[in-house]
Amino acid sequence: QHINFGYSHSAYWLRMEILCDISPDQNSLSHDWYFEVGRTLIKEAELFVVYPDGRWVKAQSDVRIRYQDRPIRLVNSVFPISMKKGEKIKIYLRIKSDSALYFPITLWGEQEFVRKVAREEFLYGIFWGGMSVMLLYNIFLFVAMRNRSYLYYSCYLISVLLFVGIESGHGAAWLTH
């Protein structure tokens, strides 16, 4: 289910052909799809889409691009793709990372993508809110009781929040906003 190249400084190319035999919106002849590389902090992620008429489109969504300049503002690399019903396209994905290179790739319909992102971000919101409440509560306990254990635990919670913020990609998104 996941593509795994292990640790490597090499760039890898993936080639796929996609036939759009259905449209999520059956009343429409064309539709937008979302091609997601489900990993944050990818050094280089470039997608090349070659259409049957010979034209091609290049998109980039990785750590080299500011969060606001990405095609889709999400922590993972997501590329919008427009296809017409019955159209067969070729996709070339160039990917490179300095850390372990493993990732799932998914082609989402518009409604499924929105549901997935809403669910993920809601769960991240619960996590960030819960951790923030625990941090504030322990800081309050430290100030009220002067017990160093609460200070140490507060420092631990801060380090966990920083680590998860960096690893999940949300920290970069917040800092560049």
N, C-alpha and C. Protein backbone atom coordinates (compact mmCIF):
# COMPACT_ATOMS: atom_id res chain seq x y z
N GLN A 1 0.81 -1.19 0.00
CA GLN A 1 0.00 0.00 0.00
C GLN A 1 0.87 1.26 0.00
N HIS A 2 2.04 1.20 0.59
CA HIS A 2 2.96 2.33 0.58
C HIS A 2 4.13 2.02 -0.34
N ILE A 3 4.61 3.02 -1.01
CA ILE A 3 5.82 2.89 -1.80
C ILE A 3 6.98 3.19 -0.87
N ASN A 4 8.00 2.32 -0.87
CA ASN A 4 9.10 2.47 0.07
C ASN A 4 10.42 2.28 -0.66
N PHE A 5 11.22 3.35 -0.72
CA PHE A 5 12.54 3.29 -1.33
C PHE A 5 13.65 3.31 -0.28
N GLY A 6 13.29 3.33 0.99
CA GLY A 6 14.29 3.35 2.06
C GLY A 6 15.03 4.68 2.11
N TYR A 7 16.23 4.65 2.67
CA TYR A 7 17.05 5.86 2.76
C TYR A 7 17.86 6.02 1.48
N SER A 8 17.70 7.14 0.84
CA SER A 8 18.43 7.39 -0.39
C SER A 8 18.43 8.88 -0.68
N HIS A 9 19.50 9.34 -1.30
CA HIS A 9 19.56 10.74 -1.73
C HIS A 9 19.23 10.86 -3.22
N SER A 10 18.82 9.76 -3.83
CA SER A 10 18.49 9.75 -5.25
C SER A 10 17.08 10.26 -5.48
N ALA A 11 16.85 10.73 -6.69
CA ALA A 11 15.50 11.10 -7.11
C ALA A 11 14.88 9.88 -7.80
N TYR A 12 13.62 9.63 -7.53
CA TYR A 12 12.91 8.50 -8.12
C TYR A 12 11.78 9.01 -9.00
N TRP A 13 11.54 8.31 -10.07
CA TRP A 13 10.46 8.64 -11.00
C TRP A 13 9.44 7.51 -10.97
N LEU A 14 8.18 7.88 -10.90
CA LEU A 14 7.08 6.93 -11.01
C LEU A 14 6.25 7.33 -12.23
N ARG A 15 5.85 6.33 -13.01
CA ARG A 15 5.05 6.58 -14.20
C ARG A 15 3.75 5.82 -14.07
N MET A 16 2.63 6.51 -14.34
CA MET A 16 1.31 5.89 -14.26
C MET A 16 0.48 6.36 -15.44
N GLU A 17 -0.42 5.52 -15.86
CA GLU A 17 -1.43 5.90 -16.85
C GLU A 17 -2.78 5.80 -16.17
N ILE A 18 -3.59 6.82 -16.37
CA ILE A 18 -4.90 6.85 -15.73
C ILE A 18 -5.96 7.07 -16.81
N LEU A 19 -6.96 6.22 -16.79
CA LEU A 19 -8.10 6.34 -17.69
C LEU A 19 -9.28 6.82 -16.87
N CYS A 20 -9.83 7.94 -17.26
CA CYS A 20 -10.99 8.50 -16.55
C CYS A 20 -12.24 7.92 -17.19
N ASP A 21 -12.68 6.74 -16.70
CA ASP A 21 -13.87 6.12 -17.27
C ASP A 21 -15.15 6.50 -16.55
N ILE A 22 -15.01 7.14 -15.39
CA ILE A 22 -16.19 7.65 -14.69
C ILE A 22 -15.88 9.05 -14.21
N SER A 23 -16.91 9.79 -13.98
CA SER A 23 -16.78 11.12 -13.39
C SER A 23 -17.56 11.11 -12.09
N PRO A 24 -16.93 11.54 -10.98
CA PRO A 24 -17.67 11.57 -9.71
C PRO A 24 -18.96 12.37 -9.82
N ASP A 25 -18.96 13.42 -10.62
CA ASP A 25 -20.18 14.18 -10.88
C ASP A 25 -20.67 13.73 -12.25
N GLN A 26 -21.61 12.82 -12.29
CA GLN A 26 -22.04 12.20 -13.54
C GLN A 26 -22.65 13.20 -14.52
N ASN A 27 -23.03 14.37 -14.07
CA ASN A 27 -23.59 15.39 -14.96
C ASN A 27 -22.51 16.18 -15.67
N SER A 28 -21.27 15.97 -15.31
CA SER A 28 -20.16 16.75 -15.83
C SER A 28 -19.31 15.89 -16.76
N LEU A 29 -18.80 16.48 -17.84
CA LEU A 29 -17.91 15.78 -18.76
C LEU A 29 -16.46 15.83 -18.29
N SER A 30 -16.12 16.82 -17.47
CA SER A 30 -14.76 16.90 -16.93
C SER A 30 -14.85 17.10 -15.43
N HIS A 31 -13.75 16.75 -14.78
CA HIS A 31 -13.77 16.85 -13.32
C HIS A 31 -12.36 17.03 -12.81
N ASP A 32 -12.26 17.65 -11.66
CA ASP A 32 -10.98 17.79 -11.01
C ASP A 32 -10.76 16.62 -10.06
N TRP A 33 -9.55 16.08 -10.12
CA TRP A 33 -9.13 15.03 -9.24
C TRP A 33 -7.94 15.55 -8.44
N TYR A 34 -7.62 14.89 -7.36
CA TYR A 34 -6.51 15.32 -6.52
C TYR A 34 -5.55 14.14 -6.32
N PHE A 35 -4.33 14.33 -6.78
CA PHE A 35 -3.29 13.31 -6.66
C PHE A 35 -2.46 13.65 -5.43
N GLU A 36 -2.53 12.78 -4.42
CA GLU A 36 -1.88 13.07 -3.14
C GLU A 36 -0.70 12.14 -2.91
N VAL A 37 0.43 12.75 -2.55
CA VAL A 37 1.58 12.02 -2.04
C VAL A 37 1.49 12.17 -0.52
N GLY A 38 1.11 11.11 0.16
CA GLY A 38 0.74 11.19 1.57
C GLY A 38 1.91 11.21 2.53
N ARG A 39 2.80 12.17 2.38
CA ARG A 39 3.94 12.31 3.31
C ARG A 39 4.31 13.78 3.35
N THR A 40 4.62 14.26 4.53
CA THR A 40 5.05 15.65 4.68
C THR A 40 6.57 15.74 4.55
N LEU A 41 7.06 16.93 4.44
CA LEU A 41 8.49 17.23 4.45
C LEU A 41 9.26 16.52 3.33
N ILE A 42 8.67 16.38 2.18
CA ILE A 42 9.36 15.82 1.03
C ILE A 42 10.19 16.93 0.40
N LYS A 43 11.46 16.65 0.17
CA LYS A 43 12.37 17.67 -0.34
C LYS A 43 11.96 18.13 -1.75
N GLU A 44 11.68 17.18 -2.62
CA GLU A 44 11.27 17.51 -3.98
C GLU A 44 10.12 16.60 -4.41
N ALA A 45 9.02 17.19 -4.82
CA ALA A 45 7.88 16.44 -5.36
C ALA A 45 7.34 17.22 -6.55
N GLU A 46 7.55 16.67 -7.73
CA GLU A 46 7.09 17.32 -8.96
C GLU A 46 6.23 16.34 -9.74
N LEU A 47 5.13 16.84 -10.25
CA LEU A 47 4.21 16.01 -11.02
C LEU A 47 4.11 16.57 -12.43
N PHE A 48 4.27 15.69 -13.40
CA PHE A 48 4.13 16.04 -14.80
C PHE A 48 2.94 15.26 -15.35
N VAL A 49 1.97 15.97 -15.92
CA VAL A 49 0.79 15.33 -16.49
C VAL A 49 0.84 15.55 -18.00
N VAL A 50 0.81 14.44 -18.75
CA VAL A 50 0.83 14.49 -20.21
C VAL A 50 -0.55 14.10 -20.71
N TYR A 51 -1.20 15.03 -21.44
CA TYR A 51 -2.54 14.81 -21.97
C TYR A 51 -2.46 14.19 -23.36
N PRO A 52 -3.55 13.56 -23.83
CA PRO A 52 -3.53 12.89 -25.14
C PRO A 52 -3.22 13.82 -26.32
N ASP A 53 -3.54 15.10 -26.19
CA ASP A 53 -3.27 16.03 -27.30
C ASP A 53 -1.82 16.51 -27.32
N GLY A 54 -0.98 16.01 -26.41
CA GLY A 54 0.44 16.34 -26.41
C GLY A 54 0.84 17.43 -25.43
N ARG A 55 -0.12 18.19 -24.93
CA ARG A 55 0.24 19.23 -23.96
C ARG A 55 0.55 18.58 -22.62
N TRP A 56 1.38 19.26 -21.83
CA TRP A 56 1.74 18.74 -20.53
C TRP A 56 1.75 19.87 -19.52
N VAL A 57 1.54 19.49 -18.28
CA VAL A 57 1.47 20.44 -17.17
C VAL A 57 2.42 19.94 -16.09
N LYS A 58 3.19 20.88 -15.54
CA LYS A 58 4.09 20.56 -14.43
C LYS A 58 3.60 21.26 -13.18
N ALA A 59 3.59 20.54 -12.06
CA ALA A 59 3.22 21.13 -10.77
C ALA A 59 4.24 20.70 -9.74
N GLN A 60 4.43 21.54 -8.75
CA GLN A 60 5.42 21.28 -7.70
C GLN A 60 4.77 21.56 -6.35
N SER A 61 5.00 20.66 -5.40
CA SER A 61 4.45 20.83 -4.06
C SER A 61 5.36 20.12 -3.08
N ASP A 62 6.31 20.86 -2.53
CA ASP A 62 7.29 20.26 -1.62
C ASP A 62 7.82 21.34 -0.68
N VAL A 63 8.85 21.02 0.08
CA VAL A 63 9.36 21.96 1.08
C VAL A 63 10.06 23.17 0.46
N ARG A 64 10.39 23.11 -0.82
CA ARG A 64 11.04 24.25 -1.47
C ARG A 64 10.04 25.37 -1.77
N ILE A 65 8.79 25.06 -1.72
CA ILE A 65 7.74 26.04 -2.04
C ILE A 65 7.06 26.49 -0.76
N ARG A 66 6.85 27.79 -0.65
CA ARG A 66 6.14 28.30 0.52
C ARG A 66 4.74 27.69 0.57
N TYR A 67 4.26 27.52 1.76
CA TYR A 67 2.96 26.89 1.97
C TYR A 67 1.86 27.62 1.17
N GLN A 68 1.90 28.94 1.15
CA GLN A 68 0.87 29.71 0.45
C GLN A 68 0.93 29.55 -1.07
N ASP A 69 2.08 29.17 -1.60
CA ASP A 69 2.25 29.06 -3.05
C ASP A 69 1.99 27.66 -3.59
N ARG A 70 1.64 26.72 -2.75
CA ARG A 70 1.35 25.36 -3.20
C ARG A 70 0.04 25.34 -3.98
N PRO A 71 -0.10 24.39 -4.92
CA PRO A 71 -1.36 24.29 -5.66
C PRO A 71 -2.56 24.05 -4.74
N ILE A 72 -2.36 23.19 -3.74
CA ILE A 72 -3.37 22.94 -2.70
C ILE A 72 -2.67 23.14 -1.37
N ARG A 73 -3.19 24.02 -0.53
CA ARG A 73 -2.55 24.33 0.75
C ARG A 73 -2.85 23.23 1.77
N LEU A 74 -1.98 22.23 1.75
CA LEU A 74 -2.12 21.09 2.64
C LEU A 74 -0.74 20.64 3.02
N VAL A 75 -0.60 19.98 4.16
CA VAL A 75 0.73 19.58 4.62
C VAL A 75 1.34 18.51 3.72
N ASN A 76 0.54 17.65 3.11
CA ASN A 76 1.04 16.68 2.15
C ASN A 76 1.16 17.32 0.78
N SER A 77 1.89 16.69 -0.11
CA SER A 77 1.98 17.18 -1.49
C SER A 77 0.74 16.73 -2.24
N VAL A 78 -0.08 17.68 -2.67
CA VAL A 78 -1.32 17.39 -3.38
C VAL A 78 -1.33 18.18 -4.68
N PHE A 79 -1.68 17.49 -5.77
CA PHE A 79 -1.68 18.10 -7.09
C PHE A 79 -3.07 17.97 -7.71
N PRO A 80 -3.67 19.09 -8.12
CA PRO A 80 -4.96 19.00 -8.81
C PRO A 80 -4.74 18.54 -10.25
N ILE A 81 -5.62 17.65 -10.71
CA ILE A 81 -5.55 17.14 -12.08
C ILE A 81 -6.94 17.26 -12.69
N SER A 82 -7.03 17.85 -13.87
CA SER A 82 -8.30 17.94 -14.59
C SER A 82 -8.30 16.90 -15.70
N MET A 83 -9.35 16.10 -15.72
CA MET A 83 -9.49 15.09 -16.76
C MET A 83 -10.91 15.11 -17.29
N LYS A 84 -11.04 14.77 -18.57
CA LYS A 84 -12.35 14.63 -19.18
C LYS A 84 -12.73 13.16 -19.15
N LYS A 85 -14.02 12.93 -19.15
CA LYS A 85 -14.51 11.56 -19.15
C LYS A 85 -14.02 10.86 -20.41
N GLY A 86 -13.45 9.67 -20.24
CA GLY A 86 -12.93 8.90 -21.36
C GLY A 86 -11.50 9.25 -21.74
N GLU A 87 -10.89 10.20 -21.05
CA GLU A 87 -9.54 10.64 -21.38
C GLU A 87 -8.52 9.77 -20.64
N LYS A 88 -7.42 9.44 -21.34
CA LYS A 88 -6.33 8.67 -20.76
C LYS A 88 -5.10 9.57 -20.69
N ILE A 89 -4.59 9.76 -19.47
CA ILE A 89 -3.43 10.63 -19.28
C ILE A 89 -2.26 9.84 -18.73
N LYS A 90 -1.07 10.39 -18.91
CA LYS A 90 0.13 9.81 -18.31
C LYS A 90 0.61 10.75 -17.22
N ILE A 91 0.99 10.16 -16.11
CA ILE A 91 1.49 10.94 -14.98
C ILE A 91 2.90 10.48 -14.67
N TYR A 92 3.80 11.47 -14.51
CA TYR A 92 5.16 11.20 -14.09
C TYR A 92 5.38 11.94 -12.77
N LEU A 93 5.78 11.21 -11.76
CA LEU A 93 6.03 11.81 -10.44
C LEU A 93 7.52 11.68 -10.15
N ARG A 94 8.16 12.82 -9.92
CA ARG A 94 9.58 12.84 -9.52
C ARG A 94 9.61 13.19 -8.05
N ILE A 95 10.27 12.33 -7.26
CA ILE A 95 10.26 12.53 -5.82
C ILE A 95 11.65 12.27 -5.25
N LYS A 96 12.02 13.11 -4.30
CA LYS A 96 13.34 13.01 -3.67
C LYS A 96 13.22 13.48 -2.23
N SER A 97 13.98 12.80 -1.35
CA SER A 97 13.97 13.20 0.05
C SER A 97 15.31 12.84 0.67
N ASP A 98 15.71 13.58 1.68
CA ASP A 98 16.95 13.27 2.38
C ASP A 98 16.72 12.28 3.52
N SER A 99 15.47 12.04 3.85
CA SER A 99 15.16 11.08 4.90
C SER A 99 14.58 9.83 4.24
N ALA A 100 14.01 8.94 5.03
CA ALA A 100 13.42 7.72 4.48
C ALA A 100 12.32 8.10 3.50
N LEU A 101 12.35 7.45 2.35
CA LEU A 101 11.40 7.79 1.28
C LEU A 101 10.34 6.70 1.20
N TYR A 102 9.28 6.88 1.95
CA TYR A 102 8.12 5.99 1.88
C TYR A 102 6.88 6.86 1.88
N PHE A 103 5.89 6.47 1.11
CA PHE A 103 4.70 7.30 1.00
C PHE A 103 3.60 6.52 0.29
N PRO A 104 2.36 6.81 0.64
CA PRO A 104 1.25 6.30 -0.16
C PRO A 104 0.90 7.33 -1.24
N ILE A 105 0.42 6.87 -2.36
CA ILE A 105 -0.11 7.79 -3.37
C ILE A 105 -1.58 7.44 -3.58
N THR A 106 -2.39 8.49 -3.69
CA THR A 106 -3.83 8.30 -3.81
C THR A 106 -4.38 9.31 -4.80
N LEU A 107 -5.29 8.85 -5.63
CA LEU A 107 -6.02 9.74 -6.53
C LEU A 107 -7.43 9.89 -5.96
N TRP A 108 -7.76 11.10 -5.54
CA TRP A 108 -9.02 11.37 -4.86
C TRP A 108 -9.99 12.09 -5.79
N GLY A 109 -11.27 11.75 -5.68
CA GLY A 109 -12.33 12.57 -6.25
C GLY A 109 -12.52 13.78 -5.34
N GLU A 110 -13.17 14.79 -5.84
CA GLU A 110 -13.28 16.04 -5.09
C GLU A 110 -13.98 15.87 -3.75
N GLN A 111 -15.12 15.22 -3.73
CA GLN A 111 -15.88 15.07 -2.49
C GLN A 111 -15.15 14.19 -1.48
N GLU A 112 -14.55 13.10 -1.96
CA GLU A 112 -13.81 12.22 -1.05
C GLU A 112 -12.61 12.95 -0.46
N PHE A 113 -11.95 13.76 -1.28
CA PHE A 113 -10.79 14.51 -0.80
C PHE A 113 -11.17 15.50 0.29
N VAL A 114 -12.27 16.20 0.07
CA VAL A 114 -12.73 17.17 1.07
C VAL A 114 -13.09 16.47 2.38
N ARG A 115 -13.77 15.33 2.30
CA ARG A 115 -14.11 14.58 3.51
C ARG A 115 -12.86 14.11 4.25
N LYS A 116 -11.89 13.61 3.50
CA LYS A 116 -10.65 13.11 4.09
C LYS A 116 -9.89 14.22 4.81
N VAL A 117 -9.75 15.37 4.14
CA VAL A 117 -9.02 16.50 4.73
C VAL A 117 -9.77 17.03 5.95
N ALA A 118 -11.08 17.14 5.86
CA ALA A 118 -11.87 17.63 7.00
C ALA A 118 -11.71 16.71 8.20
N ARG A 119 -11.75 15.40 7.98
CA ARG A 119 -11.60 14.43 9.07
C ARG A 119 -10.20 14.52 9.69
N GLU A 120 -9.17 14.56 8.83
CA GLU A 120 -7.79 14.64 9.33
C GLU A 120 -7.55 15.91 10.13
N GLU A 121 -7.96 17.04 9.59
CA GLU A 121 -7.71 18.31 10.26
C GLU A 121 -8.53 18.42 11.55
N PHE A 122 -9.72 17.83 11.58
CA PHE A 122 -10.51 17.82 12.80
C PHE A 122 -9.77 17.04 13.89
N LEU A 123 -9.22 15.87 13.54
CA LEU A 123 -8.48 15.07 14.51
C LEU A 123 -7.21 15.78 14.97
N TYR A 124 -6.52 16.45 14.04
CA TYR A 124 -5.35 17.23 14.45
C TYR A 124 -5.77 18.37 15.38
N GLY A 125 -6.92 18.96 15.12
CA GLY A 125 -7.42 20.03 16.00
C GLY A 125 -7.69 19.52 17.41
N ILE A 126 -8.26 18.32 17.50
CA ILE A 126 -8.48 17.72 18.82
C ILE A 126 -7.14 17.48 19.52
N PHE A 127 -6.17 16.96 18.77
CA PHE A 127 -4.85 16.72 19.36
C PHE A 127 -4.22 18.01 19.84
N TRP A 128 -4.17 19.03 18.98
CA TRP A 128 -3.52 20.30 19.35
C TRP A 128 -4.26 20.97 20.50
N GLY A 129 -5.59 20.92 20.49
CA GLY A 129 -6.36 21.52 21.57
C GLY A 129 -6.13 20.79 22.89
N GLY A 130 -6.16 19.47 22.86
CA GLY A 130 -5.94 18.68 24.07
C GLY A 130 -4.55 18.91 24.65
N MET A 131 -3.55 18.91 23.78
CA MET A 131 -2.17 19.13 24.25
C MET A 131 -2.00 20.55 24.80
N SER A 132 -2.62 21.52 24.17
CA SER A 132 -2.52 22.90 24.66
C SER A 132 -3.18 23.06 26.02
N VAL A 133 -4.33 22.43 26.21
CA VAL A 133 -5.01 22.48 27.51
C VAL A 133 -4.14 21.82 28.58
N MET A 134 -3.55 20.66 28.25
CA MET A 134 -2.66 20.00 29.22
C MET A 134 -1.45 20.88 29.56
N LEU A 135 -0.89 21.54 28.55
CA LEU A 135 0.26 22.41 28.78
C LEU A 135 -0.12 23.58 29.69
N LEU A 136 -1.22 24.25 29.38
CA LEU A 136 -1.64 25.39 30.21
C LEU A 136 -1.98 24.95 31.63
N TYR A 137 -2.62 23.80 31.77
CA TYR A 137 -2.97 23.29 33.09
C TYR A 137 -1.70 23.01 33.91
N ASN A 138 -0.70 22.40 33.30
CA ASN A 138 0.54 22.10 34.03
C ASN A 138 1.35 23.35 34.33
N ILE A 139 1.31 24.33 33.46
CA ILE A 139 1.96 25.61 33.77
C ILE A 139 1.25 26.28 34.96
N PHE A 140 -0.08 26.22 34.96
CA PHE A 140 -0.85 26.77 36.08
C PHE A 140 -0.49 26.05 37.39
N LEU A 141 -0.40 24.72 37.33
CA LEU A 141 -0.04 23.96 38.54
C LEU A 141 1.36 24.30 39.02
N PHE A 142 2.28 24.51 38.10
CA PHE A 142 3.64 24.87 38.49
C PHE A 142 3.65 26.23 39.18
N VAL A 143 2.94 27.20 38.60
CA VAL A 143 2.90 28.55 39.20
C VAL A 143 2.22 28.51 40.57
N ALA A 144 1.15 27.72 40.70
CA ALA A 144 0.41 27.67 41.95
C ALA A 144 1.14 26.89 43.04
N MET A 145 1.79 25.79 42.67
CA MET A 145 2.37 24.90 43.69
C MET A 145 3.89 24.96 43.76
N ARG A 146 4.54 25.52 42.79
CA ARG A 146 6.00 25.63 42.74
C ARG A 146 6.68 24.25 42.78
N ASN A 147 6.02 23.26 42.23
CA ASN A 147 6.58 21.92 42.16
C ASN A 147 7.25 21.77 40.79
N ARG A 148 8.53 21.48 40.78
CA ARG A 148 9.30 21.43 39.54
C ARG A 148 8.82 20.33 38.58
N SER A 149 8.18 19.33 39.10
CA SER A 149 7.68 18.25 38.24
C SER A 149 6.73 18.80 37.18
N TYR A 150 5.91 19.77 37.55
CA TYR A 150 4.98 20.36 36.59
C TYR A 150 5.71 21.18 35.54
N LEU A 151 6.80 21.82 35.93
CA LEU A 151 7.61 22.56 34.97
C LEU A 151 8.27 21.60 33.99
N TYR A 152 8.82 20.51 34.50
CA TYR A 152 9.47 19.52 33.63
C TYR A 152 8.45 18.90 32.66
N TYR A 153 7.27 18.61 33.18
CA TYR A 153 6.25 18.03 32.32
C TYR A 153 5.79 19.04 31.27
N SER A 154 5.72 20.32 31.65
CA SER A 154 5.36 21.37 30.69
C SER A 154 6.41 21.46 29.59
N CYS A 155 7.68 21.37 29.96
CA CYS A 155 8.77 21.39 28.96
C CYS A 155 8.67 20.17 28.04
N TYR A 156 8.32 19.03 28.62
CA TYR A 156 8.14 17.82 27.81
C TYR A 156 7.00 18.02 26.81
N LEU A 157 5.88 18.57 27.28
CA LEU A 157 4.74 18.80 26.39
C LEU A 157 5.11 19.78 25.27
N ILE A 158 5.88 20.81 25.58
CA ILE A 158 6.33 21.75 24.55
C ILE A 158 7.18 21.02 23.51
N SER A 159 8.09 20.15 23.98
CA SER A 159 8.94 19.43 23.03
C SER A 159 8.12 18.48 22.16
N VAL A 160 7.11 17.84 22.73
CA VAL A 160 6.23 16.96 21.94
C VAL A 160 5.47 17.78 20.90
N LEU A 161 4.94 18.93 21.32
CA LEU A 161 4.22 19.79 20.38
C LEU A 161 5.13 20.26 19.25
N LEU A 162 6.36 20.62 19.57
CA LEU A 162 7.31 21.04 18.53
C LEU A 162 7.63 19.89 17.57
N PHE A 163 7.90 18.71 18.13
CA PHE A 163 8.22 17.57 17.29
C PHE A 163 7.06 17.21 16.36
N VAL A 164 5.87 17.10 16.91
CA VAL A 164 4.71 16.73 16.10
C VAL A 164 4.41 17.84 15.09
N GLY A 165 4.59 19.09 15.48
CA GLY A 165 4.37 20.20 14.55
C GLY A 165 5.32 20.13 13.37
N ILE A 166 6.57 19.80 13.62
CA ILE A 166 7.56 19.70 12.54
C ILE A 166 7.30 18.45 11.71
N GLU A 167 7.11 17.32 12.36
CA GLU A 167 6.96 16.05 11.64
C GLU A 167 5.66 15.98 10.83
N SER A 168 4.60 16.58 11.34
CA SER A 168 3.31 16.54 10.63
C SER A 168 3.21 17.60 9.53
N GLY A 169 4.11 18.58 9.56
CA GLY A 169 4.06 19.64 8.57
C GLY A 169 3.21 20.83 9.00
N HIS A 170 2.46 20.69 10.06
CA HIS A 170 1.61 21.80 10.50
C HIS A 170 2.42 22.96 11.05
N GLY A 171 3.56 22.69 11.62
CA GLY A 171 4.42 23.77 12.14
C GLY A 171 4.87 24.70 11.04
N ALA A 172 5.30 24.15 9.92
CA ALA A 172 5.72 24.97 8.78
C ALA A 172 4.54 25.75 8.22
N ALA A 173 3.39 25.13 8.20
CA ALA A 173 2.20 25.82 7.69
C ALA A 173 1.84 27.01 8.58
N TRP A 174 1.94 26.83 9.91
CA TRP A 174 1.62 27.92 10.83
C TRP A 174 2.66 29.03 10.76
N LEU A 175 3.93 28.65 10.68
CA LEU A 175 4.99 29.67 10.68
C LEU A 175 4.97 30.52 9.42
N THR A 176 4.56 29.96 8.30
CA THR A 176 4.57 30.74 7.05
C THR A 176 3.26 31.45 6.80
N HIS A 177 2.31 31.31 7.70
CA HIS A 177 1.02 31.99 7.51
C HIS A 177 1.13 33.46 7.81
